[in-house]
Protein backbone atom coordinates (compact mmCIF):
# COMPACT_ATOMS: atom_id res chain seq x y z
CA MET A 1 -149.33 22.64 -58.90
CA PHE A 2 -151.65 19.66 -58.69
CA GLU A 3 -152.28 18.09 -62.10
CA VAL A 4 -154.04 14.77 -62.67
CA THR A 5 -154.01 12.88 -65.95
CA SER A 6 -155.67 9.52 -66.59
CA SER A 7 -154.68 6.77 -69.00
CA PRO A 8 -156.73 3.55 -68.85
CA THR A 9 -154.88 0.71 -70.58
CA SER A 10 -155.35 -2.94 -71.40
CA GLY A 11 -152.88 -5.71 -70.72
CA SER A 12 -149.93 -5.28 -68.38
CA GLU A 13 -148.08 -2.72 -70.50
CA ILE A 14 -148.33 0.98 -69.66
CA PRO A 15 -147.22 3.33 -72.45
CA ALA A 16 -143.80 4.87 -72.03
CA ASP A 17 -143.83 8.37 -70.56
CA PRO A 18 -140.97 10.59 -71.77
CA GLY A 19 -141.19 12.51 -68.51
CA GLY A 20 -140.84 9.38 -66.40
CA VAL A 21 -143.36 7.84 -64.04
CA GLY A 22 -141.70 9.03 -60.81
CA ILE A 23 -143.01 7.24 -57.76
CA VAL A 24 -145.53 4.50 -58.56
CA VAL A 25 -148.12 3.51 -55.97
CA GLY A 26 -150.48 0.55 -56.32
CA VAL A 27 -153.99 1.06 -54.96
CA ASP A 28 -156.90 -1.32 -54.49
CA GLY A 29 -159.28 0.63 -52.27
CA SER A 30 -158.13 -1.03 -49.06
CA ARG A 31 -156.92 0.67 -45.89
CA ALA A 32 -153.40 -0.59 -46.55
CA SER A 33 -153.27 0.94 -50.03
CA ALA A 34 -154.66 4.21 -48.64
CA ALA A 35 -151.76 4.33 -46.19
CA ALA A 36 -149.33 3.58 -49.02
CA LEU A 37 -150.89 6.31 -51.15
CA GLY A 38 -150.54 8.97 -48.46
CA TRP A 39 -146.93 8.03 -47.80
CA ALA A 40 -146.08 7.91 -51.53
CA ALA A 41 -147.62 11.34 -52.10
CA ARG A 42 -145.59 12.91 -49.30
CA ASP A 43 -142.38 11.23 -50.49
CA ALA A 44 -142.99 12.44 -54.05
CA ALA A 45 -143.42 15.96 -52.68
CA LEU A 46 -140.14 15.70 -50.74
CA ARG A 47 -138.30 14.49 -53.85
CA GLY A 48 -140.01 16.84 -56.28
CA ALA A 49 -141.05 13.76 -58.28
CA ALA A 50 -144.17 12.82 -60.20
CA LEU A 51 -146.68 10.36 -58.74
CA THR A 52 -148.31 7.58 -60.77
CA ILE A 53 -151.36 5.90 -59.18
CA VAL A 54 -152.04 2.43 -60.57
CA HIS A 55 -154.99 0.07 -60.12
CA ALA A 56 -155.06 -3.34 -61.80
CA VAL A 57 -158.29 -4.99 -62.95
CA GLU A 58 -157.32 -8.62 -62.52
CA PRO A 59 -158.39 -11.14 -65.20
CA LEU A 60 -161.05 -13.69 -64.35
CA PRO A 61 -159.86 -17.19 -63.43
CA PRO A 62 -159.39 -19.53 -66.41
CA PRO A 63 -162.05 -22.18 -67.08
CA SER A 64 -161.82 -25.29 -64.92
CA ALA A 65 -161.71 -28.73 -66.53
CA VAL A 66 -164.39 -29.82 -64.06
CA TRP A 67 -166.52 -26.73 -63.46
CA GLY A 68 -166.02 -24.98 -66.79
CA PRO A 69 -165.80 -21.18 -67.19
CA VAL A 70 -166.64 -18.83 -64.35
CA PRO A 71 -170.18 -17.50 -64.86
CA VAL A 72 -170.08 -13.74 -65.43
CA PRO A 73 -173.24 -11.68 -64.78
CA ALA A 74 -174.38 -9.29 -67.49
CA GLY A 75 -172.67 -5.94 -67.15
CA PHE A 76 -169.98 -7.30 -64.82
CA ALA A 77 -167.09 -6.08 -66.99
CA GLU A 78 -168.55 -2.59 -67.17
CA TRP A 79 -169.10 -2.58 -63.40
CA ARG A 80 -165.48 -3.57 -62.77
CA ASP A 81 -164.21 -0.83 -65.08
CA SER A 82 -166.40 1.73 -63.35
CA GLU A 83 -165.22 0.53 -59.94
CA ALA A 84 -161.58 0.73 -61.05
CA THR A 85 -162.05 4.27 -62.35
CA GLN A 86 -163.64 5.27 -59.06
CA ILE A 87 -160.73 3.78 -57.09
CA VAL A 88 -158.09 5.83 -58.91
CA GLN A 89 -160.23 8.96 -58.84
CA ASP A 90 -160.70 8.59 -55.10
CA ALA A 91 -156.95 8.04 -54.73
CA ALA A 92 -156.20 11.23 -56.66
CA GLU A 93 -158.61 13.08 -54.36
CA VAL A 94 -156.75 11.72 -51.33
CA VAL A 95 -153.52 13.10 -52.78
CA ARG A 96 -155.18 16.45 -53.37
CA ARG A 97 -156.24 16.57 -49.71
CA THR A 98 -152.88 15.29 -48.44
CA LEU A 99 -150.66 17.80 -50.23
CA PRO A 100 -150.87 21.58 -50.07
CA ASP A 101 -151.87 23.38 -53.26
CA SER A 102 -148.38 24.81 -53.60
CA THR A 103 -146.70 21.39 -53.74
CA PRO A 104 -145.47 20.73 -57.31
CA VAL A 105 -146.41 17.06 -57.73
CA PRO A 106 -147.81 16.04 -61.14
CA VAL A 107 -150.18 13.09 -60.60
CA ARG A 108 -151.19 10.52 -63.20
CA THR A 109 -153.73 7.74 -62.73
CA GLU A 110 -153.65 4.41 -64.56
CA VAL A 111 -156.21 1.61 -64.77
CA VAL A 112 -154.49 -1.54 -66.03
CA HIS A 113 -156.42 -4.52 -67.36
CA GLY A 114 -154.22 -7.41 -66.34
CA ALA A 115 -152.40 -8.93 -63.40
CA ALA A 116 -151.06 -6.41 -60.89
CA ALA A 117 -147.58 -7.88 -60.42
CA PRO A 118 -146.50 -7.86 -64.11
CA ALA A 119 -147.85 -4.34 -64.59
CA LEU A 120 -145.98 -2.99 -61.57
CA LEU A 121 -142.83 -4.92 -62.48
CA ASP A 122 -142.93 -3.37 -65.94
CA LEU A 123 -143.29 0.09 -64.44
CA SER A 124 -140.44 -0.54 -62.01
CA SER A 125 -137.93 -0.31 -64.85
CA ARG A 126 -138.90 3.36 -65.30
CA ALA A 127 -139.90 4.31 -61.76
CA ASP A 128 -137.95 6.01 -58.98
CA MET A 129 -139.71 3.70 -56.51
CA VAL A 130 -142.77 1.46 -56.25
CA VAL A 131 -144.90 1.80 -53.11
CA LEU A 132 -147.38 -0.83 -51.92
CA GLY A 133 -149.55 -1.36 -48.91
CA TYR A 134 -148.80 -4.30 -46.67
CA ASN A 135 -150.55 -5.85 -43.69
CA GLY A 136 -147.49 -7.49 -42.16
CA GLN A 137 -147.16 -10.75 -40.22
CA GLY A 138 -147.73 -12.67 -43.42
CA ALA A 139 -151.35 -11.52 -43.70
CA ILE A 140 -152.83 -11.19 -47.18
CA ARG A 141 -155.83 -8.98 -47.94
CA GLN A 142 -156.94 -8.02 -51.44
CA THR A 143 -154.89 -8.02 -54.58
CA LEU A 144 -151.99 -5.68 -53.90
CA LEU A 145 -151.06 -7.20 -50.55
CA GLY A 146 -149.00 -10.29 -49.83
CA SER A 147 -148.05 -12.08 -53.03
CA VAL A 148 -147.81 -8.95 -55.21
CA THR A 149 -145.67 -7.15 -52.64
CA ALA A 150 -143.46 -10.23 -52.31
CA SER A 151 -143.05 -10.41 -56.08
CA LEU A 152 -141.97 -6.77 -56.26
CA LEU A 153 -139.57 -7.18 -53.33
CA HIS A 154 -137.81 -9.99 -55.18
CA ARG A 155 -137.97 -8.83 -58.80
CA ALA A 156 -138.50 -5.08 -59.10
CA GLU A 157 -135.96 -2.98 -61.00
CA CYS A 158 -136.15 -0.10 -58.54
CA PRO A 159 -136.52 0.35 -54.77
CA VAL A 160 -139.76 -0.94 -53.26
CA ALA A 161 -141.48 0.63 -50.25
CA ALA A 162 -143.88 -1.39 -48.10
CA VAL A 163 -146.27 0.65 -45.95
CA HIS A 164 -148.30 -1.10 -43.27
CA GLY A 165 -152.05 -0.80 -43.45
CA GLU A 166 -152.41 0.24 -39.84
CA GLN A 167 -150.44 3.42 -40.50
CA SER A 168 -152.53 6.53 -40.97
CA ALA A 169 -152.71 7.84 -44.52
CA SER A 170 -152.83 11.41 -43.20
CA ALA A 171 -150.01 11.15 -40.70
CA SER A 172 -147.39 13.89 -41.02
CA PRO A 173 -143.68 13.06 -41.19
CA SER A 174 -142.13 13.21 -37.74
CA ARG A 175 -138.75 14.37 -36.55
CA ALA A 176 -137.77 10.75 -35.96
CA PRO A 177 -134.62 9.54 -37.74
CA VAL A 178 -134.22 7.36 -40.81
CA LEU A 179 -132.81 3.92 -39.96
CA VAL A 180 -130.50 2.19 -42.45
CA GLY A 181 -129.25 -1.38 -42.16
CA THR A 182 -125.64 -1.79 -43.32
CA ASP A 183 -123.37 -4.75 -44.00
CA GLY A 184 -121.05 -3.39 -46.70
CA SER A 185 -122.70 -5.35 -49.53
CA PRO A 186 -123.68 -3.78 -52.91
CA THR A 187 -127.37 -3.55 -52.00
CA SER A 188 -126.37 -2.14 -48.62
CA GLU A 189 -124.64 0.64 -50.55
CA LEU A 190 -127.87 1.26 -52.44
CA ALA A 191 -129.68 1.38 -49.09
CA ALA A 192 -127.20 3.98 -47.84
CA ASP A 193 -127.77 6.08 -50.98
CA ILE A 194 -131.51 6.04 -50.39
CA GLY A 195 -131.31 6.47 -46.63
CA PHE A 196 -129.05 9.53 -46.75
CA ALA A 197 -131.19 11.15 -49.44
CA GLU A 198 -134.41 10.48 -47.52
CA ALA A 199 -132.88 11.87 -44.31
CA ALA A 200 -131.69 14.97 -46.16
CA TRP A 201 -135.13 15.58 -47.74
CA ARG A 202 -136.79 15.19 -44.34
CA GLY A 203 -134.17 17.20 -42.45
CA VAL A 204 -133.69 14.45 -39.86
CA ASP A 205 -130.85 12.34 -38.48
CA LEU A 206 -129.76 9.02 -39.95
CA ILE A 207 -129.04 5.95 -37.83
CA ALA A 208 -126.70 3.47 -39.50
CA LEU A 209 -127.17 0.10 -37.82
CA HIS A 210 -124.44 -2.48 -38.34
CA ALA A 211 -124.87 -5.91 -36.75
CA TRP A 212 -121.35 -7.27 -37.06
CA SER A 213 -122.46 -10.77 -36.01
CA ASP A 214 -125.74 -12.45 -36.96
CA LEU A 215 -125.49 -14.87 -34.04
CA ALA A 216 -127.42 -14.36 -30.83
CA GLU A 217 -126.19 -11.50 -28.68
CA LEU A 218 -122.56 -12.00 -27.87
CA GLY A 219 -120.56 -10.64 -25.01
CA PRO A 220 -117.48 -11.29 -22.93
CA PRO A 221 -119.12 -13.88 -20.62
CA GLY A 222 -120.66 -15.99 -23.36
CA MET A 223 -117.64 -16.02 -25.69
CA GLY A 224 -114.88 -16.20 -23.16
CA TRP A 225 -113.59 -12.78 -24.16
CA SER A 226 -112.21 -10.31 -21.70
CA PRO A 227 -113.92 -6.90 -21.52
CA ALA A 228 -110.87 -5.40 -23.26
CA GLU A 229 -111.14 -7.88 -26.15
CA TRP A 230 -114.84 -7.16 -26.49
CA LEU A 231 -114.25 -3.41 -26.59
CA ASP A 232 -111.50 -3.89 -29.17
CA ILE A 233 -113.90 -5.74 -31.50
CA HIS A 234 -116.57 -3.10 -31.01
CA ASP A 235 -114.13 -0.24 -31.65
CA ARG A 236 -112.76 -1.95 -34.76
CA GLU A 237 -116.25 -2.45 -36.22
CA THR A 238 -117.27 1.11 -35.34
CA HIS A 239 -114.20 2.47 -37.13
CA ALA A 240 -114.91 0.30 -40.18
CA LEU A 241 -118.49 1.55 -40.29
CA ALA A 242 -117.38 5.18 -40.03
CA GLN A 243 -114.98 4.73 -42.95
CA TRP A 244 -117.64 3.00 -45.01
CA LEU A 245 -120.14 5.81 -44.42
CA GLU A 246 -117.70 8.61 -45.21
CA PRO A 247 -118.58 9.03 -48.94
CA TRP A 248 -122.27 9.53 -48.15
CA GLN A 249 -121.52 11.90 -45.29
CA GLN A 250 -119.48 14.02 -47.67
CA ARG A 251 -122.33 14.12 -50.20
CA HIS A 252 -124.90 14.95 -47.50
CA PRO A 253 -123.07 17.20 -45.02
CA THR A 254 -126.33 18.42 -43.44
CA VAL A 255 -127.30 14.91 -42.30
CA THR A 256 -126.27 14.03 -38.76
CA VAL A 257 -125.26 10.36 -38.59
CA ARG A 258 -125.54 8.17 -35.52
CA ARG A 259 -123.65 4.89 -35.80
CA LEU A 260 -125.06 1.88 -34.00
CA VAL A 261 -122.76 -1.16 -33.89
CA VAL A 262 -124.32 -4.22 -32.30
CA SER A 263 -124.21 -8.01 -32.34
CA GLY A 264 -127.25 -10.20 -32.71
CA ARG A 265 -129.97 -11.13 -35.15
CA PRO A 266 -130.15 -8.22 -37.62
CA ALA A 267 -133.88 -8.60 -38.32
CA ARG A 268 -134.78 -8.35 -34.64
CA LEU A 269 -132.39 -5.44 -34.08
CA LEU A 270 -133.74 -3.53 -37.07
CA VAL A 271 -137.34 -4.13 -36.03
CA GLU A 272 -136.63 -3.05 -32.45
CA ASN A 273 -134.92 0.15 -33.57
CA SER A 274 -137.57 0.87 -36.19
CA ALA A 275 -140.00 1.67 -33.37
CA SER A 276 -138.20 5.00 -32.87
CA ALA A 277 -137.62 5.71 -36.60
CA GLN A 278 -139.90 7.14 -39.29
CA LEU A 279 -138.46 4.99 -42.07
CA VAL A 280 -136.28 1.89 -42.44
CA VAL A 281 -134.07 1.31 -45.48
CA ILE A 282 -132.45 -2.07 -46.12
CA GLY A 283 -130.83 -3.99 -48.95
CA SER A 284 -132.71 -6.72 -50.80
CA ARG A 285 -129.82 -9.12 -50.24
CA GLY A 286 -126.30 -9.01 -48.85
CA ARG A 287 -123.02 -10.58 -49.91
CA GLY A 288 -120.83 -10.47 -46.90
CA GLY A 289 -119.39 -7.10 -46.08
CA PHE A 290 -117.88 -6.38 -42.69
CA ALA A 291 -118.32 -9.84 -41.21
CA GLY A 292 -120.01 -12.02 -43.80
CA LEU A 293 -123.45 -10.89 -42.69
CA LEU A 294 -126.22 -11.50 -45.22
CA LEU A 295 -128.36 -8.48 -44.43
CA GLY A 296 -130.70 -9.12 -47.35
CA SER A 297 -131.76 -12.47 -45.96
CA VAL A 298 -133.73 -10.63 -43.27
CA SER A 299 -135.36 -8.03 -45.52
CA ARG A 300 -138.69 -9.85 -45.69
CA ALA A 301 -138.71 -10.34 -41.91
CA VAL A 302 -138.19 -6.60 -41.41
CA VAL A 303 -140.93 -5.77 -43.94
CA ASP A 304 -143.29 -8.11 -42.07
CA ALA A 305 -142.65 -6.82 -38.57
CA ALA A 306 -141.40 -3.22 -38.67
CA PRO A 307 -144.08 -0.74 -37.53
CA THR A 308 -142.79 1.94 -39.92
CA PRO A 309 -142.52 2.08 -43.73
CA VAL A 310 -139.66 0.00 -45.11
CA ILE A 311 -137.78 0.71 -48.36
CA VAL A 312 -136.02 -2.32 -49.80
CA ALA A 313 -133.17 -1.22 -52.09
CA ARG A 314 -133.31 -3.09 -55.39
CA PRO A 315 -130.48 -2.88 -57.97
CA ARG A 316 -131.40 -1.57 -61.41
């Protein structure tokens, strides 16, 4: 079933939907938002969730004390509304082409008159996840990239997925594993929940990466440890990670878990390992855990640099 409904609105509020909004994806007509749209559609299909496509018509800048109001050509408002409608209609067509006819994903389109960030933040309280395009490396292009993504990463009331613009919107999910960053913190637990579920839906392995030290790479020569002492630390951390993962392994017995215990900068390690993963899941912030590691402090760095989509787990 492929069903599209449309609900243009004004302001940043989108009417409540008793059926839920499912996965929300922001679009702006850019290559990055096209990549986000394709990924969001496939993830909605895997979850059996609805998909809500949102485009925000941003308000004009306020009048300047020096230059006065921004001159608006005749018919400009109508042109912007028409352009916005075309953007969401094109996005719905992309979804139709991306998903097979038999995939049961209800699709709704929304044109919001107001700032993008408040509208998406409002939706996040009712969404399973918000998905946005992102250029990475701090680059900002068009409305939904950069500052809006950053706002959602810090304030959303649901998980946020950032999909890089250079990723193909039509790319099929691979057999590559899902990579989850762990440190034992509450948002790391949320990341594990998401990561195991995503791996189960995709039928792929899960790699649980735990950097037990956030210092530069440590080893027996640099720290004065003997090889036996080094192996003892590694074995202890590996055992702790296995115990921590046990509840999720019991809930998802079909998911094969590979544990990766390392020392070093977690952002760099996650980015390096993301090259061989199809998805990275991390917490928005950490509070200690195994060794006092603040995993969440590197979440933005991973979003910036990882070549694969990144889901940042946000607490509700």
